[in-house]
C-alpha atoms as a PDB file:
ATOM      1  CA  MET A   1       0.000   0.000   0.000  1.00  0.00           C
ATOM      2  CA  ILE A   2       1.275   3.479  -0.860  1.00  0.00           C
ATOM      3  CA  CYS A   3       0.498   6.362   1.494  1.00  0.00           C
ATOM      4  CA  ALA A   4      -0.897   9.632   0.149  1.00  0.00           C
ATOM      5  CA  ALA A   5       2.365  11.522   0.703  1.00  0.00           C
ATOM      6  CA  CYS A   6       4.383   8.949  -1.276  1.00  0.00           C
ATOM      7  CA  ALA A   7       1.788   8.855  -4.043  1.00  0.00           C
ATOM      8  CA  ALA A   8       1.955  12.647  -4.320  1.00  0.00           C
ATOM      9  CA  ARG A   9       5.761  12.752  -4.270  1.00  0.00           C
ATOM     10  CA  PRO A  10       7.253   9.375  -5.259  1.00  0.00           C
ATOM     11  CA  LEU A  11      10.749   8.709  -3.921  1.00  0.00           C
ATOM     12  CA  ASN A  12      13.688   6.693  -5.224  1.00  0.00           C
ATOM     13  CA  LEU A  13      13.023   4.345  -2.326  1.00  0.00           C
ATOM     14  CA  GLU A  14      11.067   1.218  -3.211  1.00  0.00           C
ATOM     15  CA  ILE A  15       9.805   0.432   0.294  1.00  0.00           C
ATOM     16  CA  VAL A  16       9.747   2.674   3.366  1.00  0.00           C
ATOM     17  CA  ARG A  17       8.582   1.364   6.736  1.00  0.00           C
ATOM     18  CA  ALA A  18       8.346   2.937  10.182  1.00  0.00           C
ATOM     19  CA  VAL A  19       7.726   1.427  13.592  1.00  0.00           C
ATOM     20  CA  PHE A  20       5.257   4.101  14.658  1.00  0.00           C
ATOM     21  CA  ALA A  21       3.797   7.463  13.746  1.00  0.00           C
ATOM     22  CA  TYR A  22       5.575  10.471  15.208  1.00  0.00           C
ATOM     23  CA  SER A  23       2.897  11.924  17.435  1.00  0.00           C
ATOM     24  CA  ASP A  24       2.296  13.393  20.862  1.00  0.00           C
ATOM     25  CA  ASP A  25       2.490   9.838  22.235  1.00  0.00           C
ATOM     26  CA  SER A  26       5.828   8.937  20.632  1.00  0.00           C
ATOM     27  CA  ARG A  27       7.601  12.320  20.504  1.00  0.00           C
ATOM     28  CA  ARG A  28       9.163  12.058  23.991  1.00  0.00           C
ATOM     29  CA  LEU A  29      10.502   8.556  23.281  1.00  0.00           C
ATOM     30  CA  VAL A  30      12.165   9.719  20.047  1.00  0.00           C
ATOM     31  CA  LEU A  31      13.524  13.002  21.417  1.00  0.00           C
ATOM     32  CA  ASP A  32      14.890  11.380  24.576  1.00  0.00           C
ATOM     33  CA  PHE A  33      16.755   8.921  22.357  1.00  0.00           C
ATOM     34  CA  LYS A  34      17.886  11.473  19.763  1.00  0.00           C
ATOM     35  CA  HIS A  35      18.917  14.344  22.009  1.00  0.00           C
ATOM     36  CA  GLY A  36      18.789  13.028  25.563  1.00  0.00           C
ATOM     37  CA  GLY A  37      21.195  10.125  25.329  1.00  0.00           C
ATOM     38  CA  ARG A  38      18.532   7.555  26.228  1.00  0.00           C
ATOM     39  CA  THR A  39      19.882   4.519  24.402  1.00  0.00           C
ATOM     40  CA  ASP A  40      18.487   1.928  26.809  1.00  0.00           C
ATOM     41  CA  ALA A  41      15.670   0.934  24.428  1.00  0.00           C
ATOM     42  CA  LEU A  42      17.910   0.156  21.432  1.00  0.00           C
ATOM     43  CA  ILE A  43      17.432  -3.610  21.618  1.00  0.00           C
ATOM     44  CA  GLN A  44      13.658  -3.145  21.572  1.00  0.00           C
ATOM     45  CA  PHE A  45      13.882  -0.557  18.780  1.00  0.00           C
ATOM     46  CA  GLY A  46      15.870  -3.072  16.705  1.00  0.00           C
ATOM     47  CA  ARG A  47      13.217  -5.744  17.264  1.00  0.00           C
ATOM     48  CA  TRP A  48      10.401  -3.381  16.348  1.00  0.00           C
ATOM     49  CA  MET A  49      12.222  -2.159  13.233  1.00  0.00           C
ATOM     50  CA  ALA A  50      12.918  -5.740  12.096  1.00  0.00           C
ATOM     51  CA  ARG A  51       9.265  -6.626  12.503  1.00  0.00           C
ATOM     52  CA  SER A  52       7.754  -3.535  10.866  1.00  0.00           C
ATOM     53  CA  GLY A  53      10.398  -3.428   8.121  1.00  0.00           C
ATOM     54  CA  ALA A  54      10.484  -7.126   7.246  1.00  0.00           C
ATOM     55  CA  ASP A  55       9.525  -6.566   3.600  1.00  0.00           C
ATOM     56  CA  ALA A  56      12.030  -3.706   3.231  1.00  0.00           C
ATOM     57  CA  LEU A  57      14.773  -5.910   4.683  1.00  0.00           C
ATOM     58  CA  ASP A  58      13.945  -8.960   2.561  1.00  0.00           C
ATOM     59  CA  GLY A  59      16.799  -9.594   0.125  1.00  0.00           C
ATOM     60  CA  ALA A  60      18.888  -6.680   1.410  1.00  0.00           C
ATOM     61  CA  ASP A  61      22.660  -6.846   1.342  1.00  0.00           C
ATOM     62  CA  VAL A  62      23.601  -3.979   3.656  1.00  0.00           C
ATOM     63  CA  ILE A  63      22.052  -1.737   6.309  1.00  0.00           C
ATOM     64  CA  VAL A  64      23.343   1.841   6.028  1.00  0.00           C
ATOM     65  CA  PRO A  65      22.586   4.638   8.495  1.00  0.00           C
ATOM     66  CA  VAL A  66      21.893   8.210   7.444  1.00  0.00           C
ATOM     67  CA  PRO A  67      25.198   9.882   8.306  1.00  0.00           C
ATOM     68  CA  LEU A  68      25.651  12.985  10.434  1.00  0.00           C
ATOM     69  CA  HIS A  69      28.120  15.693   9.514  1.00  0.00           C
ATOM     70  CA  ARG A  70      31.208  15.440  11.707  1.00  0.00           C
ATOM     71  CA  ARG A  71      30.380  18.720  13.495  1.00  0.00           C
ATOM     72  CA  ARG A  72      26.898  17.523  14.459  1.00  0.00           C
ATOM     73  CA  LEU A  73      28.286  14.127  15.449  1.00  0.00           C
ATOM     74  CA  PHE A  74      30.795  15.849  17.733  1.00  0.00           C
ATOM     75  CA  SER A  75      28.116  17.973  19.418  1.00  0.00           C
ATOM     76  CA  ARG A  76      25.585  15.126  19.756  1.00  0.00           C
ATOM     77  CA  ARG A  77      28.233  12.500  20.685  1.00  0.00           C
ATOM     78  CA  TYR A  78      26.563   9.738  18.668  1.00  0.00           C
ATOM     79  CA  ASN A  79      24.679   9.144  15.437  1.00  0.00           C
ATOM     80  CA  GLN A  80      21.232   7.918  16.449  1.00  0.00           C
ATOM     81  CA  SER A  81      20.675   6.432  12.975  1.00  0.00           C
ATOM     82  CA  ALA A  82      23.864   4.399  13.269  1.00  0.00           C
ATOM     83  CA  LEU A  83      22.798   3.078  16.681  1.00  0.00           C
ATOM     84  CA  LEU A  84      19.412   2.080  15.237  1.00  0.00           C
ATOM     85  CA  GLY A  85      21.112   0.458  12.236  1.00  0.00           C
ATOM     86  CA  GLN A  86      23.420  -1.554  14.496  1.00  0.00           C
ATOM     87  CA  ALA A  87      20.463  -2.717  16.598  1.00  0.00           C
ATOM     88  CA  LEU A  88      18.578  -3.704  13.449  1.00  0.00           C
ATOM     89  CA  ALA A  89      21.613  -5.571  12.083  1.00  0.00           C
ATOM     90  CA  ARG A  90      22.021  -7.492  15.350  1.00  0.00           C
ATOM     91  CA  GLU A  91      18.351  -8.465  15.227  1.00  0.00           C
ATOM     92  CA  THR A  92      18.361  -9.541  11.552  1.00  0.00           C
ATOM     93  CA  GLY A  93      21.904 -10.769  10.965  1.00  0.00           C
ATOM     94  CA  LEU A  94      22.289  -8.413   8.006  1.00  0.00           C
ATOM     95  CA  ARG A  95      25.566  -6.611   7.436  1.00  0.00           C
ATOM     96  CA  PHE A  96      25.789  -3.065   8.839  1.00  0.00           C
ATOM     97  CA  ASP A  97      28.138  -0.519   7.264  1.00  0.00           C
ATOM     98  CA  ALA A  98      28.391   3.078   8.464  1.00  0.00           C
ATOM     99  CA  GLY A  99      31.342   3.679   6.137  1.00  0.00           C
ATOM    100  CA  ILE A 100      29.495   3.845   2.820  1.00  0.00           C
ATOM    101  CA  LEU A 101      27.802   7.241   2.921  1.00  0.00           C
ATOM    102  CA  LYS A 102      29.243  10.440   4.304  1.00  0.00           C
ATOM    103  CA  ARG A 103      27.585  13.786   4.907  1.00  0.00           C
ATOM    104  CA  SER A 104      29.981  16.139   3.154  1.00  0.00           C
ATOM    105  CA  LYS A 105      27.929  19.284   3.676  1.00  0.00           C
ATOM    106  CA  ALA A 106      27.050  20.660   7.121  1.00  0.00           C
ATOM    107  CA  THR A 107      23.374  21.434   6.664  1.00  0.00           C
ATOM    108  CA  PRO A 108      21.179  23.341   9.101  1.00  0.00           C
ATOM    109  CA  THR A 109      18.549  21.277  10.909  1.00  0.00           C
ATOM    110  CA  GLN A 110      15.524  20.245   8.834  1.00  0.00           C
ATOM    111  CA  GLY A 111      13.095  21.334  11.565  1.00  0.00           C
ATOM    112  CA  GLY A 112      10.588  23.983  10.535  1.00  0.00           C
ATOM    113  CA  ARG A 113      11.273  23.693   6.797  1.00  0.00           C
ATOM    114  CA  SER A 114       8.716  22.984   4.094  1.00  0.00           C
ATOM    115  CA  ALA A 115       9.033  19.870   1.932  1.00  0.00           C
ATOM    116  CA  ARG A 116      10.731  21.907  -0.794  1.00  0.00           C
ATOM    117  CA  GLY A 117      12.998  23.606   1.763  1.00  0.00           C
ATOM    118  CA  ARG A 118      14.025  20.242   3.209  1.00  0.00           C
ATOM    119  CA  LYS A 119      14.851  18.918  -0.248  1.00  0.00           C
ATOM    120  CA  ARG A 120      16.976  21.982  -1.062  1.00  0.00           C
ATOM    121  CA  ASN A 121      18.671  21.806   2.335  1.00  0.00           C
ATOM    122  CA  VAL A 122      20.061  18.297   1.753  1.00  0.00           C
ATOM    123  CA  ALA A 123      20.724  18.605  -1.984  1.00  0.00           C
ATOM    124  CA  GLY A 124      24.316  17.526  -2.577  1.00  0.00           C
ATOM    125  CA  ALA A 125      24.896  16.870   1.136  1.00  0.00           C
ATOM    126  CA  PHE A 126      25.776  13.169   0.777  1.00  0.00           C
ATOM    127  CA  GLN A 127      28.584  11.332  -1.001  1.00  0.00           C
ATOM    128  CA  ILE A 128      29.890   7.807  -1.287  1.00  0.00           C
ATOM    129  CA  ARG A 129      33.118   7.412   0.670  1.00  0.00           C
ATOM    130  CA  SER A 130      36.087   6.759  -1.615  1.00  0.00           C
ATOM    131  CA  ALA A 131      36.844   3.365  -0.054  1.00  0.00           C
ATOM    132  CA  ALA A 132      33.241   2.206  -0.645  1.00  0.00           C
ATOM    133  CA  LYS A 133      32.823   3.227  -4.300  1.00  0.00           C
ATOM    134  CA  THR A 134      33.631  -0.242  -5.622  1.00  0.00           C
ATOM    135  CA  THR A 135      31.228  -1.976  -3.210  1.00  0.00           C
ATOM    136  CA  ILE A 136      27.957  -0.320  -4.302  1.00  0.00           C
ATOM    137  CA  LYS A 137      27.227  -1.716  -7.749  1.00  0.00           C
ATOM    138  CA  GLY A 138      24.384  -4.247  -7.825  1.00  0.00           C
ATOM    139  CA  LYS A 139      23.824  -4.212  -4.062  1.00  0.00           C
ATOM    140  CA  ARG A 140      20.489  -3.767  -2.253  1.00  0.00           C
ATOM    141  CA  PHE A 141      20.579  -1.270   0.595  1.00  0.00           C
ATOM    142  CA  VAL A 142      18.346  -0.450   3.528  1.00  0.00           C
ATOM    143  CA  LEU A 143      18.744   3.072   4.854  1.00  0.00           C
ATOM    144  CA  VAL A 144      18.031   3.623   8.543  1.00  0.00           C
ATOM    145  CA  ASP A 145      16.969   6.890  10.154  1.00  0.00           C
ATOM    146  CA  ASP A 146      15.179   7.888  13.328  1.00  0.00           C
ATOM    147  CA  VAL A 147      12.387  10.078  11.928  1.00  0.00           C
ATOM    148  CA  MET A 148      11.022  10.460   8.405  1.00  0.00           C
ATOM    149  CA  THR A 149       9.158  13.722   7.907  1.00  0.00           C
ATOM    150  CA  THR A 150       9.033  14.449   4.155  1.00  0.00           C
ATOM    151  CA  GLY A 151      11.571  11.845   3.070  1.00  0.00           C
ATOM    152  CA  ALA A 152      14.001  14.470   1.729  1.00  0.00           C
ATOM    153  CA  THR A 153      17.016  13.158   3.663  1.00  0.00           C
ATOM    154  CA  LEU A 154      16.325   9.511   2.832  1.00  0.00           C
ATOM    155  CA  GLU A 155      15.700  10.493  -0.791  1.00  0.00           C
ATOM    156  CA  ALA A 156      19.029  12.323  -1.016  1.00  0.00           C
ATOM    157  CA  CYS A 157      20.843   9.297   0.418  1.00  0.00           C
ATOM    158  CA  ALA A 158      18.997   6.898  -1.908  1.00  0.00           C
ATOM    159  CA  ARG A 159      19.764   9.045  -4.941  1.00  0.00           C
ATOM    160  CA  THR A 160      23.469   9.016  -4.005  1.00  0.00           C
ATOM    161  CA  LEU A 161      23.499   5.220  -3.680  1.00  0.00           C
ATOM    162  CA  LEU A 162      21.543   4.660  -6.908  1.00  0.00           C
ATOM    163  CA  ARG A 163      23.824   6.989  -8.898  1.00  0.00           C
ATOM    164  CA  ALA A 164      26.768   4.934  -7.624  1.00  0.00           C
ATOM    165  CA  GLY A 165      25.189   1.754  -9.010  1.00  0.00           C
ATOM    166  CA  ALA A 166      23.009   0.378  -6.207  1.00  0.00           C
ATOM    167  CA  GLU A 167      20.350  -2.015  -7.472  1.00  0.00           C
ATOM    168  CA  LYS A 168      17.700  -1.061  -4.941  1.00  0.00           C
ATOM    169  CA  VAL A 169      17.274   1.155  -1.873  1.00  0.00           C
ATOM    170  CA  ASN A 170      14.634   0.727   0.849  1.00  0.00           C
ATOM    171  CA  ALA A 171      14.342   2.449   4.215  1.00  0.00           C
ATOM    172  CA  VAL A 172      13.308   1.607   7.765  1.00  0.00           C
ATOM    173  CA  THR A 173      12.779   4.330  10.348  1.00  0.00           C
ATOM    174  CA  LEU A 174      11.823   4.382  13.974  1.00  0.00           C
ATOM    175  CA  SER A 175       9.020   6.871  13.365  1.00  0.00           C
ATOM    176  CA  ARG A 176       7.308   8.768  10.606  1.00  0.00           C
ATOM    177  CA  VAL A 177       5.477  12.061  10.599  1.00  0.00           C
ATOM    178  CA  VAL A 178       2.030  11.446   9.192  1.00  0.00           C
ATOM    179  CA  ARG A 179       0.026  14.413   7.989  1.00  0.00           C
ATOM    180  CA  PRO A 180      -2.034  15.466   4.995  1.00  0.00           C
ATOM    181  CA  VAL A 181      -0.113  16.017   1.787  1.00  0.00           C
ATOM    182  CA  ASP A 182       1.016  19.602   1.485  1.00  0.00           C
ATOM    183  CA  PRO A 183       1.899  21.268  -1.817  1.00  0.00           C
ATOM    184  CA  LEU A 184       5.567  21.848  -2.487  1.00  0.00           C
ATOM    185  CA  THR A 185       5.942  25.408  -1.305  1.00  0.00           C
END
């Protein structure tokens, strides 16, 4: 089934799955993990992501986290997407590789931006690491992120992998913002 937002703005991702909707009920859980250092639920997050993303993970070769720019990684102390990807890999037995994509452009936070603004903000922000360029062709990837709002970040990562020769890119996230489709403004 394709949600209204994906039907209105198709992505280069074949399958995108999320554990839960980002809402008043889940916001605290996500923000405590993302910004508060609460990593104690990672094992459970990995189980939930494996279950909700089973079809996205089927036939995948590698789990790849959405990378943080080194400055943001330094200030946050950890990449929450990488921690989720590691938990998912432990749960599924799939290979995890945080060394494929790099965020080469320090972008401002996506918060408060329109769909078009988010897309512009991450345009050209991701690259394939030099050492990984020969390992992309023909592989099936699953991107992992904590929250999907418009899909702009996941789309930019998927586009980078597909241009490098990836066969297929899916995504699994911990949560997803669900709201009516808004026009690209």
